[in-house]
């Protein structure tokens, strides 16, 4: 395909997108024309194959191929209602995969929707990584605040380290050294840098609870505060295990510092590209 043809098809595909309940969709009737199918009956056969592929992938076809009615203009100002189908990006991708690849329009659509679907996956992954980085930052802030509260109540930095370690042992049922060995975490790195998001948030919740209760109960001294922190971590663990989540059995996550560097690098690339003059 020539560059001009690709640009034209890209513009046409973008022009017929619509939004339904916050989800980007395409009308099957409009997509039919763009994909080079003159008869609706022939295009319906392709849609049927796409629905089968969707179901075989374990997806609910009603979520990707909802039936709708559409009004079209007729001669002399009359109108007519016809059947139509709203297609999600994933549905369009499956249709393209099951279409006649000899058609240039189908070949374009196969690549267009593959890229669009991949872009969605990339965005979703980046959001998950961003959430984990923010959860780790929040835990650091919470622990810093808790350290300040405890210092005012007679607990120094060494005592705080012991209290935090006891809390981890109550949450994970393993000592810090045992947990690092089980998860393959370097000895000189904090456990939290390699925990999945839910475990980071669990530690944060327990620390928040300790900070609140230490002040509301006016607890002083390392022993009383240590007991409070251990009980809070036990309570958080119980909540997780009741829902089938065993903290120490969750897989090790990628180094959060590495994730942060990757996100920062991506941001710099976007900023650099945005400053380039438009042609």
Protein backbone atom coordinates (compact mmCIF):
# COMPACT_ATOMS: atom_id res chain seq x y z
CA UNK A 1 0.00 0.00 0.00
CA UNK A 2 1.15 3.50 -0.77
CA UNK A 3 1.72 6.03 2.01
CA UNK A 4 -1.18 8.16 0.76
CA UNK A 5 -3.55 5.16 0.89
CA UNK A 6 -2.45 4.28 4.42
CA UNK A 7 -2.97 7.85 5.62
CA UNK A 8 -6.41 7.96 3.99
CA UNK A 9 -7.51 4.68 5.56
CA UNK A 10 -6.16 5.78 8.94
CA UNK A 11 -8.19 9.00 8.72
CA UNK A 12 -11.32 7.05 7.75
CA UNK A 13 -10.98 4.53 10.59
CA UNK A 14 -10.47 7.33 13.11
CA UNK A 15 -13.42 9.30 11.74
CA UNK A 16 -16.03 6.58 12.38
CA UNK A 17 -15.15 5.94 16.02
CA UNK A 18 -17.82 6.66 18.58
CA UNK A 19 -18.03 6.46 22.36
CA UNK A 20 -20.53 4.32 24.24
CA UNK A 21 -20.53 4.41 28.06
CA UNK A 22 -16.94 5.62 28.00
CA UNK A 23 -15.72 2.88 25.64
CA UNK A 24 -14.38 3.52 22.15
CA UNK A 25 -16.53 1.68 19.57
CA UNK A 26 -17.11 1.29 15.86
CA UNK A 27 -20.41 0.74 14.02
CA UNK A 28 -20.42 -2.59 12.18
CA UNK A 29 -22.40 -1.02 9.34
CA UNK A 30 -19.80 1.70 8.87
CA UNK A 31 -16.89 -0.67 9.32
CA UNK A 32 -18.40 -2.96 6.68
CA UNK A 33 -17.93 -0.31 4.02
CA UNK A 34 -14.39 0.55 5.11
CA UNK A 35 -13.38 -3.10 4.98
CA UNK A 36 -14.55 -3.45 1.41
CA UNK A 37 -17.68 -5.59 1.96
CA UNK A 38 -20.53 -4.50 -0.30
CA UNK A 39 -23.13 -6.87 1.20
CA UNK A 40 -24.10 -6.92 4.89
CA UNK A 41 -24.83 -10.64 4.68
CA UNK A 42 -21.22 -11.39 3.74
CA UNK A 43 -19.90 -9.16 6.50
CA UNK A 44 -22.19 -10.85 9.04
CA UNK A 45 -20.40 -14.14 8.32
CA UNK A 46 -17.09 -12.51 9.27
CA UNK A 47 -18.66 -11.09 12.44
CA UNK A 48 -19.90 -14.59 13.33
CA UNK A 49 -16.36 -15.98 13.06
CA UNK A 50 -15.07 -13.09 15.18
CA UNK A 51 -17.70 -13.79 17.85
CA UNK A 52 -16.68 -17.45 17.93
CA UNK A 53 -13.02 -16.43 18.36
CA UNK A 54 -14.05 -14.04 21.14
CA UNK A 55 -15.97 -16.77 22.99
CA UNK A 56 -13.10 -19.24 22.54
CA UNK A 57 -10.79 -16.69 24.17
CA UNK A 58 -13.02 -16.72 27.25
CA UNK A 59 -14.52 -13.28 26.64
CA UNK A 60 -18.22 -12.38 26.88
CA UNK A 61 -19.32 -11.57 23.32
CA UNK A 62 -22.09 -9.30 24.66
CA UNK A 63 -19.40 -7.00 26.02
CA UNK A 64 -17.70 -6.67 22.64
CA UNK A 65 -20.55 -7.13 20.09
CA UNK A 66 -23.71 -5.53 21.58
CA UNK A 67 -26.67 -5.42 19.16
CA UNK A 68 -28.27 -2.03 18.49
CA UNK A 69 -30.82 -0.45 16.15
CA UNK A 70 -29.76 2.32 13.82
CA UNK A 71 -31.83 4.86 11.88
CA UNK A 72 -30.72 5.66 8.33
CA UNK A 73 -32.09 8.32 5.95
CA UNK A 74 -34.24 7.23 3.00
CA UNK A 75 -35.38 9.06 -0.16
CA UNK A 76 -37.84 11.94 0.22
CA UNK A 77 -36.88 12.56 3.84
CA UNK A 78 -38.05 9.17 5.14
CA UNK A 79 -36.13 7.15 7.72
CA UNK A 80 -35.62 3.44 8.27
CA UNK A 81 -34.42 1.41 11.26
CA UNK A 82 -31.85 -1.32 10.60
CA UNK A 83 -29.89 -3.77 12.73
CA UNK A 84 -26.36 -2.76 13.69
CA UNK A 85 -23.67 -3.92 16.09
CA UNK A 86 -21.39 -1.82 18.26
CA UNK A 87 -17.86 -3.17 18.10
CA UNK A 88 -15.15 -2.65 20.67
CA UNK A 89 -11.55 -2.29 19.55
CA UNK A 90 -11.01 -5.95 20.43
CA UNK A 91 -14.05 -6.98 18.38
CA UNK A 92 -12.74 -5.02 15.39
CA UNK A 93 -9.38 -6.71 15.77
CA UNK A 94 -11.03 -10.15 15.67
CA UNK A 95 -13.11 -9.18 12.64
CA UNK A 96 -9.99 -8.05 10.82
CA UNK A 97 -8.26 -11.32 11.71
CA UNK A 98 -11.18 -13.30 10.28
CA UNK A 99 -11.70 -11.18 7.19
CA UNK A 100 -10.45 -11.68 3.64
CA UNK A 101 -6.76 -10.79 3.96
CA UNK A 102 -6.55 -10.35 0.19
CA UNK A 103 -8.42 -7.10 0.64
CA UNK A 104 -6.05 -4.19 1.24
CA UNK A 105 -8.57 -2.72 3.68
CA UNK A 106 -8.52 -5.92 5.77
CA UNK A 107 -4.71 -6.04 5.75
CA UNK A 108 -4.65 -2.45 6.98
CA UNK A 109 -7.30 -3.14 9.65
CA UNK A 110 -5.42 -6.19 10.96
CA UNK A 111 -2.41 -4.00 11.67
CA UNK A 112 -4.38 -0.92 12.73
CA UNK A 113 -6.39 -2.70 15.42
CA UNK A 114 -3.43 -4.86 16.50
CA UNK A 115 -1.47 -1.68 17.23
CA UNK A 116 -4.46 -0.06 18.93
CA UNK A 117 -5.05 -3.12 21.11
CA UNK A 118 -1.37 -3.29 22.01
CA UNK A 119 -1.43 0.42 22.86
CA UNK A 120 -4.26 -0.20 25.30
CA UNK A 121 -2.28 -3.00 26.94
CA UNK A 122 0.75 -0.74 27.25
CA UNK A 123 -1.31 2.00 28.89
CA UNK A 124 -2.86 -0.50 31.30
CA UNK A 125 0.58 -1.87 32.25
CA UNK A 126 1.94 1.63 32.77
CA UNK A 127 -0.99 2.50 35.04
CA UNK A 128 -0.31 -0.61 37.14
CA UNK A 129 3.37 0.28 37.39
CA UNK A 130 2.52 3.88 38.28
CA UNK A 131 0.14 2.67 41.01
CA UNK A 132 2.87 0.47 42.50
CA UNK A 133 5.43 3.28 42.52
CA UNK A 134 2.93 5.61 44.20
CA UNK A 135 2.04 2.93 46.76
CA UNK A 136 5.74 2.54 47.61
CA UNK A 137 6.13 6.31 47.99
CA UNK A 138 3.07 6.41 50.23
CA UNK A 139 4.50 3.63 52.44
CA UNK A 140 7.76 5.56 52.80
CA UNK A 141 5.83 8.67 53.86
CA UNK A 142 3.71 6.71 56.34
CA UNK A 143 6.76 5.04 57.90
CA UNK A 144 8.54 8.39 58.13
CA UNK A 145 5.56 9.90 59.94
CA UNK A 146 5.31 6.86 62.22
CA UNK A 147 9.02 7.10 63.02
CA UNK A 148 8.49 10.72 64.09
CA UNK A 149 5.52 9.80 66.29
CA UNK A 150 7.49 6.99 67.94
CA UNK A 151 10.56 9.12 68.50
CA UNK A 152 8.44 11.50 70.59
CA UNK A 153 7.40 8.47 72.68
CA UNK A 154 10.83 7.16 73.51
CA UNK A 155 11.60 4.95 70.51
CA UNK A 156 14.86 5.65 68.63
CA UNK A 157 15.70 4.66 65.04
CA UNK A 158 17.05 1.26 66.15
CA UNK A 159 13.87 0.57 68.09
CA UNK A 160 11.75 1.63 65.13
CA UNK A 161 13.64 -0.83 62.92
CA UNK A 162 12.91 -3.63 65.36
CA UNK A 163 9.22 -2.69 65.55
CA UNK A 164 8.93 -2.58 61.77
CA UNK A 165 10.65 -5.97 61.46
CA UNK A 166 8.30 -7.50 64.05
CA UNK A 167 5.37 -6.10 62.10
CA UNK A 168 6.62 -7.69 58.86
CA UNK A 169 6.99 -11.02 60.64
CA UNK A 170 3.37 -10.80 61.82
CA UNK A 171 2.18 -9.93 58.31
CA UNK A 172 4.23 -12.47 56.35
CA UNK A 173 4.82 -15.14 59.05
CA UNK A 174 8.52 -14.97 58.14
CA UNK A 175 11.46 -12.99 59.49
CA UNK A 176 12.92 -10.28 57.27
CA UNK A 177 15.90 -12.52 56.40
CA UNK A 178 13.64 -15.48 55.63
CA UNK A 179 11.36 -13.33 53.46
CA UNK A 180 14.32 -11.90 51.54
CA UNK A 181 15.67 -15.39 50.92
CA UNK A 182 12.27 -16.72 49.82
CA UNK A 183 11.69 -13.78 47.45
CA UNK A 184 15.31 -13.51 46.22
CA UNK A 185 15.72 -9.95 47.51
CA UNK A 186 19.28 -8.55 47.91
CA UNK A 187 20.36 -8.23 51.56
CA UNK A 188 21.04 -4.51 51.21
CA UNK A 189 17.60 -3.63 49.81
CA UNK A 190 14.28 -3.02 51.62
CA UNK A 191 11.72 -5.79 51.27
CA UNK A 192 9.06 -3.28 50.21
CA UNK A 193 10.95 -2.47 46.99
CA UNK A 194 10.15 -5.95 45.68
CA UNK A 195 6.66 -6.50 47.07
CA UNK A 196 3.56 -6.53 44.81
CA UNK A 197 1.27 -3.52 45.15
CA UNK A 198 -1.24 -5.23 47.45
CA UNK A 199 1.50 -6.19 49.93
CA UNK A 200 2.88 -2.65 49.93
CA UNK A 201 -0.59 -1.31 50.65
CA UNK A 202 -1.06 -3.92 53.39
CA UNK A 203 2.11 -2.73 55.13
CA UNK A 204 1.00 0.87 54.70
CA UNK A 205 -2.43 0.18 56.22
CA UNK A 206 -0.91 -1.56 59.25
CA UNK A 207 1.54 1.33 59.76
CA UNK A 208 -1.30 3.87 59.45
CA UNK A 209 -3.28 1.94 62.07
CA UNK A 210 -0.28 1.89 64.41
CA UNK A 211 0.30 5.62 64.06
CA UNK A 212 -3.35 6.36 64.77
CA UNK A 213 -3.64 4.01 67.75
CA UNK A 214 -0.34 5.05 69.32
CA UNK A 215 -1.68 8.59 69.50
CA UNK A 216 -5.30 7.84 70.39
CA UNK A 217 -4.30 5.31 73.09
CA UNK A 218 -1.34 7.47 74.18
CA UNK A 219 1.06 4.52 73.98
CA UNK A 220 4.65 5.03 75.12
CA UNK A 221 7.72 2.84 75.17
CA UNK A 222 9.00 0.30 72.66
CA UNK A 223 7.26 -2.78 74.09
CA UNK A 224 3.72 -1.38 74.10
CA UNK A 225 4.12 0.15 70.65
CA UNK A 226 5.69 -3.05 69.29
CA UNK A 227 2.71 -5.07 70.52
CA UNK A 228 0.34 -2.59 68.91
CA UNK A 229 2.15 -2.79 65.55
CA UNK A 230 2.26 -6.59 65.63
CA UNK A 231 -1.48 -6.80 66.36
CA UNK A 232 -2.27 -4.41 63.52
CA UNK A 233 -0.23 -6.45 61.06
CA UNK A 234 -1.94 -9.62 62.28
CA UNK A 235 -5.32 -7.98 61.68
CA UNK A 236 -4.34 -6.98 58.14
CA UNK A 237 -3.02 -10.48 57.45
CA UNK A 238 -6.27 -12.02 58.69
CA UNK A 239 -8.25 -9.77 56.34
CA UNK A 240 -6.10 -10.84 53.38
CA UNK A 241 -6.06 -14.56 54.17
CA UNK A 242 -9.84 -14.60 54.61
CA UNK A 243 -10.04 -13.52 50.98
CA UNK A 244 -7.57 -16.20 49.88
CA UNK A 245 -4.53 -13.91 49.69
CA UNK A 246 -1.42 -15.30 51.40
CA UNK A 247 1.10 -12.41 51.49
CA UNK A 248 4.27 -14.53 51.69
CA UNK A 249 3.16 -16.65 48.70
CA UNK A 250 2.66 -13.76 46.30
CA UNK A 251 5.30 -13.55 43.55
CA UNK A 252 8.22 -11.15 43.81
CA UNK A 253 7.60 -7.95 41.86
CA UNK A 254 10.12 -6.08 39.72
CA UNK A 255 12.43 -3.71 41.59
CA UNK A 256 10.32 -0.60 42.19
CA UNK A 257 13.36 1.64 41.66
CA UNK A 258 13.84 0.13 38.22
CA UNK A 259 10.16 0.77 37.46
CA UNK A 260 10.53 4.38 38.61
CA UNK A 261 13.55 4.88 36.33
CA UNK A 262 11.61 3.46 33.39
CA UNK A 263 8.62 5.73 34.03
CA UNK A 264 10.90 8.77 34.37
CA UNK A 265 12.66 7.83 31.12
CA UNK A 266 9.31 7.51 29.30
CA UNK A 267 8.23 10.91 30.62
CA UNK A 268 11.45 12.50 29.35
CA UNK A 269 10.94 10.96 25.90
CA UNK A 270 7.37 12.29 25.73
CA UNK A 271 8.54 15.76 26.80
CA UNK A 272 11.33 15.67 24.21
CA UNK A 273 8.93 14.62 21.44
CA UNK A 274 6.42 17.32 22.42
CA UNK A 275 9.09 19.99 21.98
CA UNK A 276 9.90 18.95 18.42
CA UNK A 277 8.49 21.33 15.78
CA UNK A 278 5.50 19.92 13.95
CA UNK A 279 6.05 19.29 10.24
